[in-house]
Structure formats: C-alpha cells, structure tokens
Amino acid sequence: MYIEEKEQPYMIEFKVQLEESLVEAFGHTEVERYLQEMAHQALLKFAANGVIADQQTIDLENDEEWKMARELAWQQESHKYVGLA
C-alpha cells in the first residue's frame, strides 16, 4: 500500500503572556478562541494582500485568453439573458 505524503505548512509556535486578570475575566477558552480568530484574520488579510497585488498585474482588456473565454461563455449562456428586457 502506498500513501502519498503531503507537505505540511511549517508552523511556528508563539508564547503569549497575558495578564491573569484578563483570563479570569473572560475565561481560558474564550481567550484561546479569540487568539485563534485573530490569527485566522491575519491569515486572511495576508492572502487578500496577495490577491490585490496580483490584481494590479492583470490586464483583462488585452488578454486574448480572457477575451476568448468571455466570448465562449456568452455563446454558451446568452440564451438565458437575451430577450429578458
């Protein structure tokens, strides 16, 4: 039996020190959930910045593949929209 190994992303562990009163006020589980949510939001922000950077380099006006794909899509789907007005 062969099992394909997938490369796992590297993980870095951070040690976070919080005031005891904060954990007592909100509870360990709630603080942990909040920190995980913040890490997730940071990851989304990082990904969004990458998309924005890529978007600035894309020129759909002069991309022949995009023009062909758009025309093909219109040929296949125009029956859904023509004559609706």
N, C-alpha and C. Protein backbone atom coordinates (compact mmCIF):
# COMPACT_ATOMS: atom_id res chain seq x y z
N MET A 1 0.84 -1.17 0.00
CA MET A 1 0.00 0.00 0.00
C MET A 1 0.89 1.24 0.00
N TYR A 2 0.58 2.19 -0.87
CA TYR A 2 1.34 3.43 -0.98
C TYR A 2 0.48 4.59 -0.52
N ILE A 3 0.99 5.36 0.39
CA ILE A 3 0.27 6.54 0.87
C ILE A 3 1.09 7.76 0.50
N GLU A 4 0.47 8.65 -0.26
CA GLU A 4 1.17 9.85 -0.69
C GLU A 4 1.29 10.82 0.48
N GLU A 5 2.49 11.28 0.70
CA GLU A 5 2.70 12.25 1.77
C GLU A 5 2.50 13.64 1.21
N LYS A 6 1.72 14.44 1.92
CA LYS A 6 1.51 15.82 1.53
C LYS A 6 2.40 16.69 2.40
N GLU A 7 2.99 17.68 1.77
CA GLU A 7 3.85 18.58 2.52
C GLU A 7 2.98 19.47 3.40
N GLN A 8 3.27 19.46 4.67
CA GLN A 8 2.53 20.26 5.63
C GLN A 8 3.15 21.64 5.73
N PRO A 9 2.33 22.67 5.93
CA PRO A 9 2.89 24.00 6.10
C PRO A 9 3.68 24.06 7.41
N TYR A 10 4.71 24.84 7.40
CA TYR A 10 5.51 24.99 8.60
C TYR A 10 4.71 25.78 9.63
N MET A 11 4.78 25.35 10.86
CA MET A 11 4.08 26.02 11.94
C MET A 11 5.11 26.61 12.89
N ILE A 12 4.83 27.78 13.37
CA ILE A 12 5.68 28.45 14.34
C ILE A 12 4.86 28.65 15.60
N GLU A 13 5.46 28.34 16.71
CA GLU A 13 4.76 28.46 17.98
C GLU A 13 5.16 29.78 18.64
N PHE A 14 4.15 30.51 19.09
CA PHE A 14 4.37 31.75 19.82
C PHE A 14 3.98 31.53 21.27
N LYS A 15 4.75 32.10 22.14
CA LYS A 15 4.39 32.07 23.55
C LYS A 15 3.81 33.45 23.87
N VAL A 16 2.57 33.47 24.32
CA VAL A 16 1.88 34.72 24.61
C VAL A 16 1.66 34.81 26.11
N GLN A 17 2.05 35.92 26.66
CA GLN A 17 1.83 36.13 28.09
C GLN A 17 0.73 37.16 28.25
N LEU A 18 -0.28 36.80 29.03
CA LEU A 18 -1.42 37.67 29.27
C LEU A 18 -1.57 37.91 30.77
N GLU A 19 -2.15 39.03 31.07
CA GLU A 19 -2.42 39.31 32.48
C GLU A 19 -3.43 38.28 32.99
N GLU A 20 -3.19 37.79 34.18
CA GLU A 20 -4.07 36.79 34.78
C GLU A 20 -5.50 37.31 34.89
N SER A 21 -5.66 38.58 35.17
CA SER A 21 -7.00 39.15 35.32
C SER A 21 -7.80 39.06 34.02
N LEU A 22 -7.12 39.16 32.88
CA LEU A 22 -7.80 39.05 31.58
C LEU A 22 -8.37 37.65 31.41
N VAL A 23 -7.56 36.64 31.70
CA VAL A 23 -8.01 35.26 31.57
C VAL A 23 -9.11 34.96 32.59
N GLU A 24 -8.98 35.50 33.77
CA GLU A 24 -10.02 35.29 34.78
C GLU A 24 -11.32 35.96 34.37
N ALA A 25 -11.23 37.12 33.74
CA ALA A 25 -12.44 37.85 33.35
C ALA A 25 -13.19 37.16 32.20
N PHE A 26 -12.45 36.66 31.22
CA PHE A 26 -13.10 36.10 30.03
C PHE A 26 -13.09 34.59 29.99
N GLY A 27 -12.20 33.97 30.72
CA GLY A 27 -12.08 32.51 30.69
C GLY A 27 -11.05 32.06 29.68
N HIS A 28 -10.38 30.98 30.02
CA HIS A 28 -9.31 30.44 29.18
C HIS A 28 -9.81 30.10 27.78
N THR A 29 -10.95 29.45 27.69
CA THR A 29 -11.49 29.02 26.39
C THR A 29 -11.81 30.22 25.50
N GLU A 30 -12.40 31.25 26.08
CA GLU A 30 -12.77 32.43 25.29
C GLU A 30 -11.52 33.17 24.81
N VAL A 31 -10.51 33.29 25.65
CA VAL A 31 -9.27 33.95 25.25
C VAL A 31 -8.58 33.15 24.15
N GLU A 32 -8.54 31.84 24.29
CA GLU A 32 -7.93 30.99 23.27
C GLU A 32 -8.68 31.11 21.95
N ARG A 33 -10.00 31.12 21.99
CA ARG A 33 -10.82 31.28 20.79
C ARG A 33 -10.54 32.61 20.12
N TYR A 34 -10.44 33.67 20.91
CA TYR A 34 -10.17 34.99 20.37
C TYR A 34 -8.80 35.03 19.69
N LEU A 35 -7.78 34.45 20.30
CA LEU A 35 -6.44 34.44 19.72
C LEU A 35 -6.42 33.65 18.41
N GLN A 36 -7.13 32.54 18.38
CA GLN A 36 -7.21 31.75 17.14
C GLN A 36 -7.92 32.54 16.04
N GLU A 37 -8.97 33.25 16.41
CA GLU A 37 -9.71 34.07 15.45
C GLU A 37 -8.82 35.18 14.90
N MET A 38 -8.05 35.81 15.77
CA MET A 38 -7.15 36.87 15.32
C MET A 38 -6.08 36.32 14.37
N ALA A 39 -5.56 35.13 14.65
CA ALA A 39 -4.58 34.51 13.76
C ALA A 39 -5.22 34.21 12.40
N HIS A 40 -6.46 33.73 12.43
CA HIS A 40 -7.18 33.45 11.19
C HIS A 40 -7.40 34.73 10.39
N GLN A 41 -7.79 35.82 11.06
CA GLN A 41 -7.99 37.10 10.39
C GLN A 41 -6.69 37.60 9.77
N ALA A 42 -5.57 37.42 10.47
CA ALA A 42 -4.27 37.83 9.94
C ALA A 42 -3.93 37.03 8.68
N LEU A 43 -4.24 35.74 8.68
CA LEU A 43 -4.00 34.90 7.52
C LEU A 43 -4.85 35.35 6.33
N LEU A 44 -6.11 35.67 6.58
CA LEU A 44 -6.99 36.17 5.51
C LEU A 44 -6.48 37.49 4.96
N LYS A 45 -6.03 38.37 5.84
CA LYS A 45 -5.51 39.66 5.40
C LYS A 45 -4.27 39.47 4.54
N PHE A 46 -3.40 38.55 4.95
CA PHE A 46 -2.20 38.25 4.18
C PHE A 46 -2.57 37.74 2.79
N ALA A 47 -3.54 36.83 2.72
CA ALA A 47 -3.98 36.28 1.44
C ALA A 47 -4.62 37.37 0.57
N ALA A 48 -5.42 38.22 1.19
CA ALA A 48 -6.08 39.30 0.44
C ALA A 48 -5.04 40.25 -0.16
N ASN A 49 -4.00 40.55 0.59
CA ASN A 49 -2.94 41.42 0.06
C ASN A 49 -2.28 40.79 -1.16
N GLY A 50 -2.13 39.47 -1.15
CA GLY A 50 -1.59 38.78 -2.30
C GLY A 50 -2.50 38.88 -3.51
N VAL A 51 -3.78 38.75 -3.28
CA VAL A 51 -4.76 38.86 -4.38
C VAL A 51 -4.75 40.27 -4.95
N ILE A 52 -4.69 41.26 -4.07
CA ILE A 52 -4.67 42.65 -4.53
C ILE A 52 -3.42 42.91 -5.37
N ALA A 53 -2.28 42.39 -4.92
CA ALA A 53 -1.04 42.57 -5.68
C ALA A 53 -1.15 41.91 -7.06
N ASP A 54 -1.73 40.71 -7.11
CA ASP A 54 -1.93 40.02 -8.39
C ASP A 54 -2.90 40.78 -9.28
N GLN A 55 -3.93 41.33 -8.70
CA GLN A 55 -4.97 42.04 -9.46
C GLN A 55 -4.36 43.24 -10.21
N GLN A 56 -3.38 43.87 -9.62
CA GLN A 56 -2.77 45.04 -10.25
C GLN A 56 -1.93 44.66 -11.46
N THR A 57 -1.56 43.40 -11.59
CA THR A 57 -0.74 42.99 -12.72
C THR A 57 -1.57 42.36 -13.84
N ILE A 58 -2.86 42.16 -13.61
CA ILE A 58 -3.72 41.51 -14.61
C ILE A 58 -4.33 42.58 -15.51
N ASP A 59 -4.23 42.38 -16.81
CA ASP A 59 -4.79 43.31 -17.79
C ASP A 59 -5.77 42.54 -18.66
N LEU A 60 -7.02 42.47 -18.22
CA LEU A 60 -8.03 41.71 -18.95
C LEU A 60 -8.41 42.36 -20.28
N GLU A 61 -8.21 43.65 -20.40
CA GLU A 61 -8.54 44.34 -21.65
C GLU A 61 -7.70 43.81 -22.82
N ASN A 62 -6.47 43.43 -22.53
CA ASN A 62 -5.56 43.00 -23.59
C ASN A 62 -5.19 41.52 -23.51
N ASP A 63 -5.90 40.75 -22.73
CA ASP A 63 -5.60 39.33 -22.56
C ASP A 63 -6.45 38.53 -23.55
N GLU A 64 -5.80 37.94 -24.53
CA GLU A 64 -6.51 37.21 -25.58
C GLU A 64 -7.25 35.98 -25.03
N GLU A 65 -6.65 35.28 -24.08
CA GLU A 65 -7.32 34.12 -23.49
C GLU A 65 -8.60 34.54 -22.78
N TRP A 66 -8.56 35.66 -22.08
CA TRP A 66 -9.75 36.16 -21.38
C TRP A 66 -10.84 36.53 -22.39
N LYS A 67 -10.45 37.17 -23.47
CA LYS A 67 -11.43 37.56 -24.50
C LYS A 67 -12.10 36.33 -25.10
N MET A 68 -11.29 35.29 -25.38
CA MET A 68 -11.85 34.07 -25.96
C MET A 68 -12.77 33.37 -24.96
N ALA A 69 -12.37 33.31 -23.70
CA ALA A 69 -13.20 32.65 -22.68
C ALA A 69 -14.49 33.41 -22.47
N ARG A 70 -14.42 34.73 -22.47
CA ARG A 70 -15.63 35.55 -22.31
C ARG A 70 -16.59 35.34 -23.48
N GLU A 71 -16.07 35.30 -24.69
CA GLU A 71 -16.90 35.08 -25.87
C GLU A 71 -17.53 33.69 -25.86
N LEU A 72 -16.76 32.68 -25.48
CA LEU A 72 -17.29 31.32 -25.38
C LEU A 72 -18.40 31.24 -24.33
N ALA A 73 -18.17 31.88 -23.19
CA ALA A 73 -19.19 31.88 -22.13
C ALA A 73 -20.47 32.55 -22.64
N TRP A 74 -20.33 33.64 -23.38
CA TRP A 74 -21.51 34.33 -23.89
C TRP A 74 -22.25 33.45 -24.90
N GLN A 75 -21.51 32.76 -25.75
CA GLN A 75 -22.13 31.86 -26.72
C GLN A 75 -22.91 30.75 -26.01
N GLN A 76 -22.36 30.24 -24.92
CA GLN A 76 -23.00 29.13 -24.22
C GLN A 76 -24.16 29.58 -23.34
N GLU A 77 -24.11 30.79 -22.81
CA GLU A 77 -25.08 31.22 -21.81
C GLU A 77 -26.01 32.35 -22.24
N SER A 78 -25.81 32.92 -23.41
CA SER A 78 -26.60 34.10 -23.83
C SER A 78 -28.10 33.81 -23.90
N HIS A 79 -28.48 32.56 -24.17
CA HIS A 79 -29.90 32.22 -24.26
C HIS A 79 -30.64 32.50 -22.96
N LYS A 80 -29.92 32.54 -21.85
CA LYS A 80 -30.54 32.81 -20.55
C LYS A 80 -30.88 34.29 -20.38
N TYR A 81 -30.23 35.17 -21.17
CA TYR A 81 -30.36 36.59 -20.94
C TYR A 81 -30.97 37.37 -22.10
N VAL A 82 -30.84 36.85 -23.32
CA VAL A 82 -31.36 37.55 -24.49
C VAL A 82 -32.89 37.51 -24.46
N GLY A 83 -33.49 38.67 -24.65
CA GLY A 83 -34.93 38.76 -24.72
C GLY A 83 -35.61 38.90 -23.36
N LEU A 84 -34.88 39.12 -22.31
CA LEU A 84 -35.48 39.27 -20.98
C LEU A 84 -35.97 40.69 -20.72
N ALA A 85 -35.42 41.66 -21.40
CA ALA A 85 -35.75 43.06 -21.13
C ALA A 85 -37.10 43.43 -21.65
